[in-house]
Each structure stands twice: as C-alpha cells, then as structure tokens.
Amino acid sequence: MEIAEVRPTHGGRLYAGLRRQASSILVFLAIVSLWQYVSAGNLIPQFLLPPPSSIVAQFFRSSVNWPLHIITTLQEILVGYTMGALGGLALAVMVAESNFMRKTLMPYLIGIEALPKIAIAPLIYILLGFNDVARIIMVTLLVFFPIVLTTLTGLIDIDKNLVYLMKTLGARERMVFYKVRLPNSTPQLFVGLRLGVLAAIIGSVIAEFVSSTAGLGFLIINAESTYNTSLAFAALSVLGVLSLALYGSIELAAYVTMPWFRKT
C-alpha cells in the first residue's frame, strides 16, 4: 500500500522557519537588551550610543518626513539596479559570444572594477551635475561590473564536451547558448545579482553623501553634522531593513528560477 506524502501546511512551514532562525532572533534580542541597558544606564554617553528606545522614537517625530526619504533612496536603488543588471547581462552575453570582445574588453572591465568607486562619485557629479541622474548613474556603475564579471564567468566556464555534443547533433550557436551556456551561467548570474543589490544600496548612500536634499544617506550625513546620533542610527536601521528585503527578493527569484536551488 502506498503511503501518501504529508506536506506541511503554511503555518507549519512558518513555524519551522522561525525555529531555524531562533538562534539569530535570540542573539538580536540579547544585543538590543544589552544595548538598551548600557546606553540608558549612561555607561556610555547617549550622544555617542543612543538607546534603542530613542532610535525608535525618531520614527514618530513629525520633523522627519520618513516616507519621502525612504522613497527617494529606494527609487535610486531600484532604477540604478535595473539599469546596471540589464546592461551587465547584455554586455556579458556579447563578450562571451565574441573572442575579440573578450580579449579587448576584459582588461578594462577588471581594471575599472578594481577602482575605488567612492573616488568616482565626484567625477560623475562634475560631468553630470548635482542631480538625480548622477546619483542613479553612480548606483548603476556599482551594480554593472559585478554582474558582468560573474555572469561572464558562468557563460565561459562550461563543460566543453557538452558544446561539442550539441554541435555534433547539429545544434547552432543560438541553441548551444540557450541549452548549455545560459543554464550554466544562472547560478553565477544570481551571485552577481546578490552582490549588485548590496552595491546598489552602498552606491545610493555614497551618492547622497556627496550631494542630495533627500534620502536616507542625506539624513545620516545631516544627523552627523548636528550630532543627532539617534536619527543617524534610525536611518541606518531603515537601510538595514531595505537591504534584507531586497536581498531576500533576489533569493526568492533564485528559488523560483532554479528548481535545483531548492534542494540546496
């Protein structure tokens, strides 16, 4: 007699997920509790390390337009990330399909990727001006190169025997690309997408540090200039939540796109 497979319910999966993350949650609660005790007890001056209660209170003060700053930063991240990801994927495909482009462009791609991006920000503002376009271009550049290099690695580093087999069976280059190169590059592509989403957040904050009148980076630099450390920590906490949400969305996309990813 066949035994039916028992699948966990949605509530069961949620409970199992919480159990797996129990240690992380407990460590977070312990750190926050210790932080509150140390700061509220004036063991460390509150202007240096504000208590978590003071940080949370910042979200309920009418002097800060949180939706405006969050939307501004999120828009820069999403637009720059989309442009960088699409451009990086397109260039990786073109370079992988052309030996001439690979030999010509690879040294420049590696060299530009090695440059400290914070040093490029002033140059971008000089060329484009202090506006939203310059900030989005800054994010795009930070996303573009990791995706190019990781995706290109996946497209090139493949089993040559599979390519020979496909060509022996009469497959054209386009078929080889869709059946061999593209599936092989998918894991590396998602590595680049993960790195890119974190780089996009860093790029938006750096761009807002240089010049901006709104955004979470603007809040942080403005709070530091007025020694309002609780506001700076509040903006940092929002950036942390955004980072986790965006990174989680890439993980979800990898989970859906790569069925074998679920088994690992």
Protein backbone atom coordinates (compact mmCIF):
# COMPACT_ATOMS: atom_id res chain seq x y z
CA MET A 1 0.00 0.00 0.00
CA GLU A 2 1.32 3.42 -0.98
CA ILE A 3 1.81 5.91 1.82
CA ALA A 4 0.65 9.40 0.91
CA GLU A 5 3.19 12.16 1.30
CA VAL A 6 2.32 14.53 4.11
CA ARG A 7 3.09 18.10 3.15
CA PRO A 8 3.47 20.74 5.83
CA THR A 9 0.86 23.47 5.98
CA HIS A 10 1.68 27.16 5.56
CA GLY A 11 1.60 27.61 9.33
CA GLY A 12 3.87 24.59 9.77
CA ARG A 13 6.41 25.95 7.29
CA LEU A 14 6.34 29.33 9.06
CA TYR A 15 6.90 27.68 12.42
CA ALA A 16 9.75 25.58 11.01
CA GLY A 17 11.31 28.70 9.52
CA LEU A 18 11.14 30.50 12.85
CA ARG A 19 12.75 27.52 14.58
CA ARG A 20 15.63 27.59 12.10
CA GLN A 21 16.14 31.31 12.78
CA ALA A 22 15.64 31.04 16.54
CA SER A 23 19.33 31.47 17.34
CA SER A 24 19.60 34.61 15.19
CA ILE A 25 16.47 36.10 16.77
CA LEU A 26 17.71 35.36 20.29
CA VAL A 27 21.11 36.92 19.58
CA PHE A 28 19.40 40.03 18.16
CA LEU A 29 17.16 40.38 21.23
CA ALA A 30 20.13 39.90 23.56
CA ILE A 31 22.16 42.58 21.75
CA VAL A 32 19.27 45.07 21.81
CA SER A 33 18.62 44.40 25.51
CA LEU A 34 22.29 44.84 26.41
CA TRP A 35 22.46 47.96 24.23
CA GLN A 36 19.42 49.45 25.98
CA TYR A 37 20.87 48.68 29.41
CA VAL A 38 24.32 50.10 28.66
CA SER A 39 23.05 53.26 26.97
CA ALA A 40 20.09 54.04 29.22
CA GLY A 41 22.28 53.49 32.28
CA ASN A 42 24.74 56.11 30.96
CA LEU A 43 27.59 53.60 30.94
CA ILE A 44 28.26 55.08 27.51
CA PRO A 45 27.17 58.68 26.77
CA GLN A 46 23.89 58.70 24.88
CA PHE A 47 25.14 61.21 22.31
CA LEU A 48 27.66 58.55 21.28
CA LEU A 49 25.41 55.49 21.58
CA PRO A 50 21.70 56.35 21.85
CA PRO A 51 19.44 53.68 23.37
CA PRO A 52 17.19 51.67 21.03
CA SER A 53 14.12 53.34 22.57
CA SER A 54 15.44 56.75 21.47
CA ILE A 55 16.09 55.41 17.96
CA VAL A 56 12.56 54.02 17.67
CA ALA A 57 11.16 57.36 18.88
CA GLN A 58 12.72 59.05 15.84
CA PHE A 59 10.18 57.34 13.57
CA PHE A 60 7.29 59.08 15.35
CA ARG A 61 8.66 62.62 15.21
CA SER A 62 6.92 64.88 12.74
CA SER A 63 10.09 66.81 11.91
CA VAL A 64 11.34 63.97 9.63
CA ASN A 65 9.41 63.03 6.51
CA TRP A 66 10.34 59.34 6.54
CA PRO A 67 8.22 58.29 3.51
CA LEU A 68 9.91 60.94 1.35
CA HIS A 69 13.44 59.91 2.33
CA ILE A 70 12.74 56.17 2.04
CA ILE A 71 11.06 56.51 -1.37
CA THR A 72 13.88 58.73 -2.66
CA THR A 73 16.58 56.23 -1.71
CA LEU A 74 14.53 53.23 -2.84
CA GLN A 75 13.88 54.84 -6.23
CA GLU A 76 17.59 55.45 -6.76
CA ILE A 77 18.35 51.86 -5.80
CA LEU A 78 15.71 50.23 -7.98
CA VAL A 79 16.28 52.35 -11.10
CA GLY A 80 20.08 52.11 -10.88
CA TYR A 81 19.95 48.40 -10.07
CA THR A 82 17.65 47.63 -13.01
CA MET A 83 19.83 49.59 -15.45
CA GLY A 84 23.04 48.04 -14.14
CA ALA A 85 21.65 44.49 -14.13
CA LEU A 86 20.23 44.67 -17.67
CA GLY A 87 23.32 46.39 -19.05
CA GLY A 88 25.67 43.99 -17.28
CA LEU A 89 23.80 40.94 -18.52
CA ALA A 90 23.74 42.24 -22.10
CA LEU A 91 27.46 43.02 -22.14
CA ALA A 92 28.32 39.65 -20.57
CA VAL A 93 26.43 37.85 -23.34
CA MET A 94 28.12 39.89 -26.07
CA VAL A 95 31.60 39.37 -24.62
CA ALA A 96 31.00 35.63 -24.13
CA GLU A 97 29.94 35.22 -27.76
CA SER A 98 32.92 37.12 -29.20
CA ASN A 99 36.56 36.15 -28.62
CA PHE A 100 37.65 39.54 -29.96
CA MET A 101 35.50 41.46 -27.46
CA ARG A 102 36.61 39.16 -24.66
CA LYS A 103 40.30 39.78 -25.30
CA THR A 104 39.75 43.51 -25.84
CA LEU A 105 37.36 44.41 -23.02
CA MET A 106 38.29 42.04 -20.17
CA PRO A 107 41.37 44.02 -19.01
CA TYR A 108 39.31 47.22 -18.93
CA LEU A 109 36.41 45.58 -17.07
CA ILE A 110 38.73 44.18 -14.41
CA GLY A 111 40.65 47.45 -14.14
CA ILE A 112 37.52 49.57 -13.71
CA GLU A 113 36.07 47.11 -11.19
CA ALA A 114 39.28 47.41 -9.14
CA LEU A 115 38.92 51.20 -8.86
CA PRO A 116 37.51 52.53 -5.56
CA LYS A 117 34.01 53.63 -6.54
CA ILE A 118 33.83 56.36 -3.89
CA ALA A 119 36.58 58.15 -5.82
CA ILE A 120 34.44 58.10 -8.97
CA ALA A 121 31.48 59.88 -7.34
CA PRO A 122 32.93 63.44 -7.51
CA LEU A 123 33.86 62.90 -11.17
CA ILE A 124 30.31 61.82 -12.00
CA TYR A 125 28.92 64.94 -10.35
CA ILE A 126 31.37 67.14 -12.24
CA LEU A 127 30.31 65.59 -15.55
CA LEU A 128 26.55 65.30 -14.95
CA GLY A 129 25.85 67.90 -12.29
CA PHE A 130 24.35 67.54 -8.82
CA ASN A 131 21.06 65.89 -9.73
CA ASP A 132 19.12 62.63 -9.56
CA VAL A 133 20.62 61.36 -12.82
CA ALA A 134 24.14 61.49 -11.38
CA ARG A 135 23.06 59.52 -8.30
CA ILE A 136 21.35 56.86 -10.42
CA ILE A 137 24.44 56.57 -12.67
CA MET A 138 26.55 56.06 -9.55
CA VAL A 139 24.33 53.18 -8.46
CA THR A 140 24.31 51.74 -11.99
CA LEU A 141 28.11 51.64 -12.17
CA LEU A 142 28.38 49.84 -8.84
CA VAL A 143 25.88 47.21 -9.98
CA PHE A 144 27.07 46.86 -13.57
CA PHE A 145 30.58 45.44 -13.20
CA PRO A 146 29.94 42.66 -10.62
CA ILE A 147 27.11 41.32 -12.78
CA VAL A 148 29.23 41.46 -15.95
CA LEU A 149 32.14 39.56 -14.40
CA THR A 150 30.12 36.90 -12.56
CA THR A 151 27.75 36.21 -15.47
CA LEU A 152 30.63 36.12 -17.93
CA THR A 153 32.36 33.51 -15.77
CA GLY A 154 29.27 31.32 -15.91
CA LEU A 155 28.88 31.73 -19.67
CA ILE A 156 32.51 30.88 -20.43
CA ASP A 157 33.39 28.29 -17.78
CA ILE A 158 31.33 25.38 -19.13
CA ASP A 159 31.89 21.73 -19.97
CA LYS A 160 33.34 21.78 -23.48
CA ASN A 161 32.11 18.23 -24.10
CA LEU A 162 28.51 19.44 -23.87
CA VAL A 163 29.21 22.08 -26.51
CA TYR A 164 30.87 19.53 -28.80
CA LEU A 165 27.97 17.12 -28.30
CA MET A 166 25.39 19.77 -29.16
CA LYS A 167 27.28 20.79 -32.29
CA THR A 168 27.71 17.15 -33.30
CA LEU A 169 23.93 16.80 -33.13
CA GLY A 170 23.59 19.77 -35.46
CA ALA A 171 22.79 22.49 -32.93
CA ARG A 172 23.58 26.07 -33.91
CA GLU A 173 25.30 28.61 -31.68
CA ARG A 174 21.96 30.06 -30.57
CA MET A 175 20.75 26.63 -29.46
CA VAL A 176 24.03 25.99 -27.63
CA PHE A 177 23.61 29.31 -25.87
CA TYR A 178 20.05 28.62 -24.68
CA LYS A 179 20.56 24.96 -23.82
CA VAL A 180 24.07 24.98 -22.35
CA ARG A 181 25.58 28.41 -21.69
CA LEU A 182 22.55 30.17 -20.21
CA PRO A 183 21.55 27.42 -17.72
CA ASN A 184 25.20 27.06 -16.73
CA SER A 185 25.52 30.81 -16.05
CA THR A 186 22.33 31.14 -13.99
CA PRO A 187 23.94 30.40 -10.59
CA GLN A 188 26.75 32.85 -11.33
CA LEU A 189 24.21 35.41 -12.52
CA PHE A 190 22.43 35.27 -9.19
CA VAL A 191 25.75 35.64 -7.39
CA GLY A 192 26.20 38.88 -9.33
CA LEU A 193 22.62 39.96 -8.62
CA ARG A 194 23.13 39.42 -4.89
CA LEU A 195 26.37 41.41 -4.91
CA GLY A 196 24.75 44.03 -7.11
CA VAL A 197 21.80 44.70 -4.83
CA LEU A 198 24.13 45.31 -1.89
CA ALA A 199 26.35 47.52 -4.06
CA ALA A 200 23.27 49.47 -5.18
CA ILE A 201 22.44 50.35 -1.57
CA ILE A 202 26.02 51.42 -0.90
CA GLY A 203 26.08 53.46 -4.10
CA SER A 204 22.86 55.31 -3.30
CA VAL A 205 24.13 56.25 0.17
CA ILE A 206 27.51 57.40 -1.16
CA ALA A 207 25.78 59.46 -3.85
CA GLU A 208 23.52 61.09 -1.26
CA PHE A 209 26.53 61.82 0.95
CA VAL A 210 28.10 63.85 -1.85
CA SER A 211 25.02 65.86 -2.80
CA SER A 212 21.35 65.40 -2.02
CA THR A 213 18.43 67.14 -0.35
CA ALA A 214 16.50 63.96 0.46
CA GLY A 215 17.13 60.27 1.08
CA LEU A 216 18.44 58.11 3.90
CA GLY A 217 22.05 58.99 3.10
CA PHE A 218 21.13 62.68 3.35
CA LEU A 219 19.51 62.01 6.74
CA ILE A 220 22.65 60.26 8.02
CA ILE A 221 25.08 62.97 6.90
CA ASN A 222 22.76 65.71 8.17
CA ALA A 223 22.30 63.97 11.53
CA GLU A 224 26.06 63.59 11.95
CA SER A 225 26.61 67.29 11.29
CA THR A 226 24.12 68.15 14.07
CA TYR A 227 25.28 65.34 16.42
CA ASN A 228 21.83 63.76 16.29
CA THR A 229 23.11 60.20 16.56
CA SER A 230 19.70 58.68 17.28
CA LEU A 231 18.45 59.95 13.90
CA ALA A 232 21.56 58.57 12.17
CA PHE A 233 21.00 55.16 13.78
CA ALA A 234 17.32 55.26 12.79
CA ALA A 235 18.23 55.90 9.14
CA LEU A 236 20.83 53.12 9.31
CA SER A 237 18.24 50.71 10.67
CA VAL A 238 15.90 51.52 7.76
CA LEU A 239 18.77 50.88 5.34
CA GLY A 240 19.34 47.54 7.05
CA VAL A 241 15.69 46.56 6.61
CA LEU A 242 15.78 47.62 2.95
CA SER A 243 18.95 45.60 2.41
CA LEU A 244 17.39 42.47 3.89
CA ALA A 245 14.18 42.92 1.88
CA LEU A 246 15.98 43.45 -1.44
CA TYR A 247 18.45 40.64 -0.82
CA GLY A 248 15.58 38.36 0.14
CA SER A 249 13.78 39.19 -3.10
CA ILE A 250 16.85 38.04 -5.07
CA GLU A 251 16.95 34.84 -3.02
CA LEU A 252 13.28 34.26 -3.80
CA ALA A 253 13.89 34.84 -7.51
CA ALA A 254 16.75 32.29 -7.42
CA TYR A 255 14.50 29.84 -5.59
CA VAL A 256 11.79 30.16 -8.25
CA THR A 257 14.09 30.29 -11.28
CA MET A 258 16.40 27.41 -10.35
CA PRO A 259 14.45 24.34 -9.18
CA TRP A 260 17.68 22.63 -8.11
CA PHE A 261 18.34 25.60 -5.81
CA ARG A 262 15.54 24.37 -3.53
CA LYS A 263 17.39 21.15 -2.79
CA THR A 264 20.47 23.00 -1.58
